Amino acid sequence: MFGMVRPCRHRLGERLAAEWMAHLCGLCLALRGDHGQFARVVTNYDGLLISVLTEAQAARPEGGRRTAGP
């Protein structure tokens, strides 16, 4: 998957914009935790799209989405 995928912010809405940013922050933190600080360089919107599509197909956990930590 090559290219640039970005949300249309003026049509996305408040709730969906917050979910998009949650995916972006989660991807960045997961890359740092699994592969180190330098792996964050590869964080881009294409990788983020995979995260969004995976969550859309997965069953929702009972507690909802967990929050990011330091």
PDB file of N, CA and C in Angstrom:
ATOM      1  N   MET A   1       0.850  -1.160   0.000  1.00  0.00           N
ATOM      2  CA  MET A   1       0.000   0.000   0.000  1.00  0.00           C
ATOM      3  C   MET A   1       0.904   1.234   0.000  1.00  0.00           C
ATOM      4  N   PHE A   2       0.900   1.949  -1.067  1.00  0.00           N
ATOM      5  CA  PHE A   2       1.731   3.131  -1.157  1.00  0.00           C
ATOM      6  C   PHE A   2       0.848   4.346  -1.402  1.00  0.00           C
ATOM      7  N   GLY A   3       1.320   5.485  -0.994  1.00  0.00           N
ATOM      8  CA  GLY A   3       0.558   6.709  -1.181  1.00  0.00           C
ATOM      9  C   GLY A   3       0.311   7.389   0.137  1.00  0.00           C
ATOM     10  N   MET A   4      -0.601   8.322   0.114  1.00  0.00           N
ATOM     11  CA  MET A   4      -0.900   9.089   1.318  1.00  0.00           C
ATOM     12  C   MET A   4      -2.406   9.066   1.544  1.00  0.00           C
ATOM     13  N   VAL A   5      -2.817   8.542   2.665  1.00  0.00           N
ATOM     14  CA  VAL A   5      -4.226   8.498   3.038  1.00  0.00           C
ATOM     15  C   VAL A   5      -4.403   9.448   4.206  1.00  0.00           C
ATOM     16  N   ARG A   6      -5.252  10.430   4.042  1.00  0.00           N
ATOM     17  CA  ARG A   6      -5.521  11.399   5.106  1.00  0.00           C
ATOM     18  C   ARG A   6      -7.016  11.586   5.258  1.00  0.00           C
ATOM     19  N   PRO A   7      -7.450  11.830   6.479  1.00  0.00           N
ATOM     20  CA  PRO A   7      -8.884  12.092   6.660  1.00  0.00           C
ATOM     21  C   PRO A   7      -9.234  13.501   6.198  1.00  0.00           C
ATOM     22  N   CYS A   8     -10.444  13.671   5.763  1.00  0.00           N
ATOM     23  CA  CYS A   8     -10.945  14.990   5.393  1.00  0.00           C
ATOM     24  C   CYS A   8     -11.461  15.634   6.676  1.00  0.00           C
ATOM     25  N   ARG A   9     -10.652  16.458   7.310  1.00  0.00           N
ATOM     26  CA  ARG A   9     -10.958  16.971   8.650  1.00  0.00           C
ATOM     27  C   ARG A   9     -12.232  17.814   8.719  1.00  0.00           C
ATOM     28  N   HIS A  10     -12.551  18.548   7.687  1.00  0.00           N
ATOM     29  CA  HIS A  10     -13.745  19.386   7.779  1.00  0.00           C
ATOM     30  C   HIS A  10     -15.034  18.577   7.622  1.00  0.00           C
ATOM     31  N   ARG A  11     -14.942  17.318   7.195  1.00  0.00           N
ATOM     32  CA  ARG A  11     -16.124  16.474   7.083  1.00  0.00           C
ATOM     33  C   ARG A  11     -16.103  15.297   8.056  1.00  0.00           C
ATOM     34  N   LEU A  12     -15.010  15.122   8.774  1.00  0.00           N
ATOM     35  CA  LEU A  12     -14.841  13.956   9.628  1.00  0.00           C
ATOM     36  C   LEU A  12     -15.696  14.021  10.888  1.00  0.00           C
ATOM     37  N   GLY A  13     -15.834  15.170  11.474  1.00  0.00           N
ATOM     38  CA  GLY A  13     -16.599  15.295  12.718  1.00  0.00           C
ATOM     39  C   GLY A  13     -15.692  15.149  13.929  1.00  0.00           C
ATOM     40  N   GLU A  14     -16.191  15.597  15.051  1.00  0.00           N
ATOM     41  CA  GLU A  14     -15.410  15.622  16.292  1.00  0.00           C
ATOM     42  C   GLU A  14     -15.060  14.216  16.789  1.00  0.00           C
ATOM     43  N   ARG A  15     -16.057  13.337  16.845  1.00  0.00           N
ATOM     44  CA  ARG A  15     -15.847  11.987  17.383  1.00  0.00           C
ATOM     45  C   ARG A  15     -14.901  11.168  16.509  1.00  0.00           C
ATOM     46  N   LEU A  16     -15.101  11.200  15.201  1.00  0.00           N
ATOM     47  CA  LEU A  16     -14.244  10.417  14.311  1.00  0.00           C
ATOM     48  C   LEU A  16     -12.824  10.977  14.240  1.00  0.00           C
ATOM     49  N   ALA A  17     -12.685  12.292  14.365  1.00  0.00           N
ATOM     50  CA  ALA A  17     -11.339  12.886  14.392  1.00  0.00           C
ATOM     51  C   ALA A  17     -10.589  12.429  15.637  1.00  0.00           C
ATOM     52  N   ALA A  18     -11.296  12.334  16.764  1.00  0.00           N
ATOM     53  CA  ALA A  18     -10.665  11.852  17.999  1.00  0.00           C
ATOM     54  C   ALA A  18     -10.266  10.387  17.869  1.00  0.00           C
ATOM     55  N   GLU A  19     -11.102   9.572  17.229  1.00  0.00           N
ATOM     56  CA  GLU A  19     -10.761   8.161  17.015  1.00  0.00           C
ATOM     57  C   GLU A  19      -9.560   8.015  16.085  1.00  0.00           C
ATOM     58  N   TRP A  20      -9.496   8.846  15.049  1.00  0.00           N
ATOM     59  CA  TRP A  20      -8.361   8.808  14.113  1.00  0.00           C
ATOM     60  C   TRP A  20      -7.058   9.131  14.850  1.00  0.00           C
ATOM     61  N   MET A  21      -7.097  10.171  15.689  1.00  0.00           N
ATOM     62  CA  MET A  21      -5.896  10.540  16.453  1.00  0.00           C
ATOM     63  C   MET A  21      -5.530   9.455  17.463  1.00  0.00           C
ATOM     64  N   ALA A  22      -6.534   8.783  18.033  1.00  0.00           N
ATOM     65  CA  ALA A  22      -6.263   7.687  18.966  1.00  0.00           C
ATOM     66  C   ALA A  22      -5.529   6.552  18.257  1.00  0.00           C
ATOM     67  N   HIS A  23      -5.914   6.267  17.034  1.00  0.00           N
ATOM     68  CA  HIS A  23      -5.211   5.243  16.259  1.00  0.00           C
ATOM     69  C   HIS A  23      -3.777   5.675  15.961  1.00  0.00           C
ATOM     70  N   LEU A  24      -3.596   6.944  15.609  1.00  0.00           N
ATOM     71  CA  LEU A  24      -2.259   7.444  15.302  1.00  0.00           C
ATOM     72  C   LEU A  24      -1.354   7.368  16.525  1.00  0.00           C
ATOM     73  N   CYS A  25      -1.863   7.802  17.677  1.00  0.00           N
ATOM     74  CA  CYS A  25      -1.069   7.747  18.910  1.00  0.00           C
ATOM     75  C   CYS A  25      -0.783   6.301  19.310  1.00  0.00           C
ATOM     76  N   GLY A  26      -1.771   5.433  19.164  1.00  0.00           N
ATOM     77  CA  GLY A  26      -1.583   4.027  19.507  1.00  0.00           C
ATOM     78  C   GLY A  26      -0.557   3.351  18.620  1.00  0.00           C
ATOM     79  N   LEU A  27      -0.584   3.659  17.330  1.00  0.00           N
ATOM     80  CA  LEU A  27       0.399   3.081  16.408  1.00  0.00           C
ATOM     81  C   LEU A  27       1.805   3.524  16.769  1.00  0.00           C
ATOM     82  N   CYS A  28       1.969   4.782  17.054  1.00  0.00           N
ATOM     83  CA  CYS A  28       3.278   5.321  17.403  1.00  0.00           C
ATOM     84  C   CYS A  28       3.806   4.694  18.700  1.00  0.00           C
ATOM     85  N   LEU A  29       2.935   4.587  19.716  1.00  0.00           N
ATOM     86  CA  LEU A  29       3.353   3.991  20.984  1.00  0.00           C
ATOM     87  C   LEU A  29       3.650   2.501  20.842  1.00  0.00           C
ATOM     88  N   ALA A  30       2.860   1.798  20.018  1.00  0.00           N
ATOM     89  CA  ALA A  30       3.100   0.370  19.809  1.00  0.00           C
ATOM     90  C   ALA A  30       4.433   0.141  19.086  1.00  0.00           C
ATOM     91  N   LEU A  31       4.726   0.972  18.109  1.00  0.00           N
ATOM     92  CA  LEU A  31       6.008   0.842  17.406  1.00  0.00           C
ATOM     93  C   LEU A  31       7.170   1.082  18.357  1.00  0.00           C
ATOM     94  N   ARG A  32       7.048   2.093  19.204  1.00  0.00           N
ATOM     95  CA  ARG A  32       8.111   2.368  20.174  1.00  0.00           C
ATOM     96  C   ARG A  32       8.266   1.212  21.149  1.00  0.00           C
ATOM     97  N   GLY A  33       7.152   0.686  21.637  1.00  0.00           N
ATOM     98  CA  GLY A  33       7.211  -0.388  22.619  1.00  0.00           C
ATOM     99  C   GLY A  33       7.756  -1.688  22.056  1.00  0.00           C
ATOM    100  N   ASP A  34       7.403  -2.003  20.825  1.00  0.00           N
ATOM    101  CA  ASP A  34       7.820  -3.279  20.226  1.00  0.00           C
ATOM    102  C   ASP A  34       9.176  -3.217  19.547  1.00  0.00           C
ATOM    103  N   HIS A  35       9.522  -2.070  18.968  1.00  0.00           N
ATOM    104  CA  HIS A  35      10.710  -2.008  18.123  1.00  0.00           C
ATOM    105  C   HIS A  35      11.674  -0.875  18.451  1.00  0.00           C
ATOM    106  N   GLY A  36      11.384  -0.091  19.461  1.00  0.00           N
ATOM    107  CA  GLY A  36      12.291   0.980  19.860  1.00  0.00           C
ATOM    108  C   GLY A  36      11.907   2.337  19.294  1.00  0.00           C
ATOM    109  N   GLN A  37      12.534   3.362  19.818  1.00  0.00           N
ATOM    110  CA  GLN A  37      12.225   4.745  19.467  1.00  0.00           C
ATOM    111  C   GLN A  37      12.411   5.035  17.976  1.00  0.00           C
ATOM    112  N   PHE A  38      13.440   4.479  17.375  1.00  0.00           N
ATOM    113  CA  PHE A  38      13.725   4.785  15.971  1.00  0.00           C
ATOM    114  C   PHE A  38      12.636   4.250  15.034  1.00  0.00           C
ATOM    115  N   ALA A  39      11.914   3.219  15.461  1.00  0.00           N
ATOM    116  CA  ALA A  39      10.857   2.644  14.625  1.00  0.00           C
ATOM    117  C   ALA A  39       9.713   3.630  14.399  1.00  0.00           C
ATOM    118  N   ARG A  40       9.613   4.651  15.225  1.00  0.00           N
ATOM    119  CA  ARG A  40       8.548   5.648  15.062  1.00  0.00           C
ATOM    120  C   ARG A  40       8.698   6.435  13.764  1.00  0.00           C
ATOM    121  N   VAL A  41       9.863   6.386  13.163  1.00  0.00           N
ATOM    122  CA  VAL A  41      10.096   7.091  11.899  1.00  0.00           C
ATOM    123  C   VAL A  41       9.155   6.574  10.820  1.00  0.00           C
ATOM    124  N   VAL A  42       8.799   5.299  10.890  1.00  0.00           N
ATOM    125  CA  VAL A  42       7.952   4.709   9.852  1.00  0.00           C
ATOM    126  C   VAL A  42       6.466   4.955  10.078  1.00  0.00           C
ATOM    127  N   THR A  43       6.109   5.668  11.137  1.00  0.00           N
ATOM    128  CA  THR A  43       4.698   5.967  11.385  1.00  0.00           C
ATOM    129  C   THR A  43       4.175   6.871  10.281  1.00  0.00           C
ATOM    130  N   ASN A  44       3.175   6.379   9.555  1.00  0.00           N
ATOM    131  CA  ASN A  44       2.570   7.176   8.497  1.00  0.00           C
ATOM    132  C   ASN A  44       1.087   6.854   8.397  1.00  0.00           C
ATOM    133  N   TYR A  45       0.382   7.534   7.533  1.00  0.00           N
ATOM    134  CA  TYR A  45      -1.050   7.339   7.413  1.00  0.00           C
ATOM    135  C   TYR A  45      -1.405   6.001   6.780  1.00  0.00           C
ATOM    136  N   ASP A  46      -0.526   5.435   5.957  1.00  0.00           N
ATOM    137  CA  ASP A  46      -0.809   4.135   5.360  1.00  0.00           C
ATOM    138  C   ASP A  46      -0.852   3.050   6.429  1.00  0.00           C
ATOM    139  N   GLY A  47       0.100   3.070   7.355  1.00  0.00           N
ATOM    140  CA  GLY A  47       0.090   2.117   8.457  1.00  0.00           C
ATOM    141  C   GLY A  47      -1.099   2.327   9.367  1.00  0.00           C
ATOM    142  N   LEU A  48      -1.502   3.568   9.503  1.00  0.00           N
ATOM    143  CA  LEU A  48      -2.654   3.908  10.337  1.00  0.00           C
ATOM    144  C   LEU A  48      -3.937   3.341   9.753  1.00  0.00           C
ATOM    145  N   LEU A  49      -4.051   3.325   8.456  1.00  0.00           N
ATOM    146  CA  LEU A  49      -5.231   2.785   7.792  1.00  0.00           C
ATOM    147  C   LEU A  49      -5.392   1.296   8.110  1.00  0.00           C
ATOM    148  N   ILE A  50      -4.299   0.565   8.185  1.00  0.00           N
ATOM    149  CA  ILE A  50      -4.345  -0.849   8.548  1.00  0.00           C
ATOM    150  C   ILE A  50      -4.923  -1.001   9.961  1.00  0.00           C
ATOM    151  N   SER A  51      -4.503  -0.139  10.879  1.00  0.00           N
ATOM    152  CA  SER A  51      -5.014  -0.175  12.246  1.00  0.00           C
ATOM    153  C   SER A  51      -6.517   0.085  12.281  1.00  0.00           C
ATOM    154  N   VAL A  52      -6.977   1.058  11.540  1.00  0.00           N
ATOM    155  CA  VAL A  52      -8.400   1.399  11.503  1.00  0.00           C
ATOM    156  C   VAL A  52      -9.215   0.256  10.915  1.00  0.00           C
ATOM    157  N   LEU A  53      -8.742  -0.325   9.816  1.00  0.00           N
ATOM    158  CA  LEU A  53      -9.474  -1.419   9.178  1.00  0.00           C
ATOM    159  C   LEU A  53      -9.493  -2.671  10.052  1.00  0.00           C
ATOM    160  N   THR A  54      -8.397  -2.934  10.755  1.00  0.00           N
ATOM    161  CA  THR A  54      -8.342  -4.091  11.644  1.00  0.00           C
ATOM    162  C   THR A  54      -9.327  -3.938  12.796  1.00  0.00           C
ATOM    163  N   GLU A  55      -9.391  -2.745  13.383  1.00  0.00           N
ATOM    164  CA  GLU A  55     -10.336  -2.520  14.479  1.00  0.00           C
ATOM    165  C   GLU A  55     -11.776  -2.613  14.000  1.00  0.00           C
ATOM    166  N   ALA A  56     -12.040  -2.171  12.796  1.00  0.00           N
ATOM    167  CA  ALA A  56     -13.405  -2.214  12.272  1.00  0.00           C
ATOM    168  C   ALA A  56     -13.893  -3.652  12.108  1.00  0.00           C
ATOM    169  N   GLN A  57     -12.980  -4.584  11.879  1.00  0.00           N
ATOM    170  CA  GLN A  57     -13.370  -5.972  11.675  1.00  0.00           C
ATOM    171  C   GLN A  57     -13.303  -6.799  12.950  1.00  0.00           C
ATOM    172  N   ALA A  58     -12.710  -6.273  14.003  1.00  0.00           N
ATOM    173  CA  ALA A  58     -12.547  -7.018  15.255  1.00  0.00           C
ATOM    174  C   ALA A  58     -13.760  -6.811  16.159  1.00  0.00           C
ATOM    175  N   ALA A  59     -13.948  -7.751  17.057  1.00  0.00           N
ATOM    176  CA  ALA A  59     -15.027  -7.621  18.047  1.00  0.00           C
ATOM    177  C   ALA A  59     -14.658  -6.537  19.056  1.00  0.00           C
ATOM    178  N   ARG A  60     -15.632  -5.767  19.482  1.00  0.00           N
ATOM    179  CA  ARG A  60     -15.392  -4.698  20.460  1.00  0.00           C
ATOM    180  C   ARG A  60     -15.178  -5.286  21.845  1.00  0.00           C
ATOM    181  N   PRO A  61     -14.117  -4.876  22.562  1.00  0.00           N
ATOM    182  CA  PRO A  61     -13.930  -5.349  23.940  1.00  0.00           C
ATOM    183  C   PRO A  61     -14.969  -4.718  24.872  1.00  0.00           C
ATOM    184  N   GLU A  62     -15.257  -5.385  25.970  1.00  0.00           N
ATOM    185  CA  GLU A  62     -16.267  -4.910  26.923  1.00  0.00           C
ATOM    186  C   GLU A  62     -15.927  -3.547  27.514  1.00  0.00           C
ATOM    187  N   GLY A  63     -14.662  -3.334  27.867  1.00  0.00           N
ATOM    188  CA  GLY A  63     -14.262  -2.095  28.511  1.00  0.00           C
ATOM    189  C   GLY A  63     -14.060  -0.937  27.553  1.00  0.00           C
ATOM    190  N   GLY A  64     -14.198  -1.176  26.255  1.00  0.00           N
ATOM    191  CA  GLY A  64     -13.948  -0.138  25.275  1.00  0.00           C
ATOM    192  C   GLY A  64     -12.461  -0.005  24.991  1.00  0.00           C
ATOM    193  N   ARG A  65     -12.080   1.097  24.406  1.00  0.00           N
ATOM    194  CA  ARG A  65     -10.677   1.326  24.053  1.00  0.00           C
ATOM    195  C   ARG A  65      -9.902   1.761  25.303  1.00  0.00           C
ATOM    196  N   ARG A  66      -8.719   1.236  25.462  1.00  0.00           N
ATOM    197  CA  ARG A  66      -7.903   1.654  26.603  1.00  0.00           C
ATOM    198  C   ARG A  66      -7.162   2.933  26.255  1.00  0.00           C
ATOM    199  N   THR A  67      -6.745   3.665  27.260  1.00  0.00           N
ATOM    200  CA  THR A  67      -6.073   4.943  27.033  1.00  0.00           C
ATOM    201  C   THR A  67      -4.568   4.739  26.978  1.00  0.00           C
ATOM    202  N   ALA A  68      -3.902   5.634  26.313  1.00  0.00           N
ATOM    203  CA  ALA A  68      -2.450   5.561  26.165  1.00  0.00           C
ATOM    204  C   ALA A  68      -1.777   6.009  27.452  1.00  0.00           C
ATOM    205  N   GLY A  69      -0.648   5.415  27.741  1.00  0.00           N
ATOM    206  CA  GLY A  69       0.116   5.786  28.917  1.00  0.00           C
ATOM    207  C   GLY A  69       1.443   6.402  28.529  1.00  0.00           C
ATOM    208  N   PRO A  70       2.215   6.806  29.507  1.00  0.00           N
ATOM    209  CA  PRO A  70       3.514   7.414  29.198  1.00  0.00           C
ATOM    210  C   PRO A  70       4.502   6.391  28.662  1.00  0.00           C
TER     211      PRO A  70
END
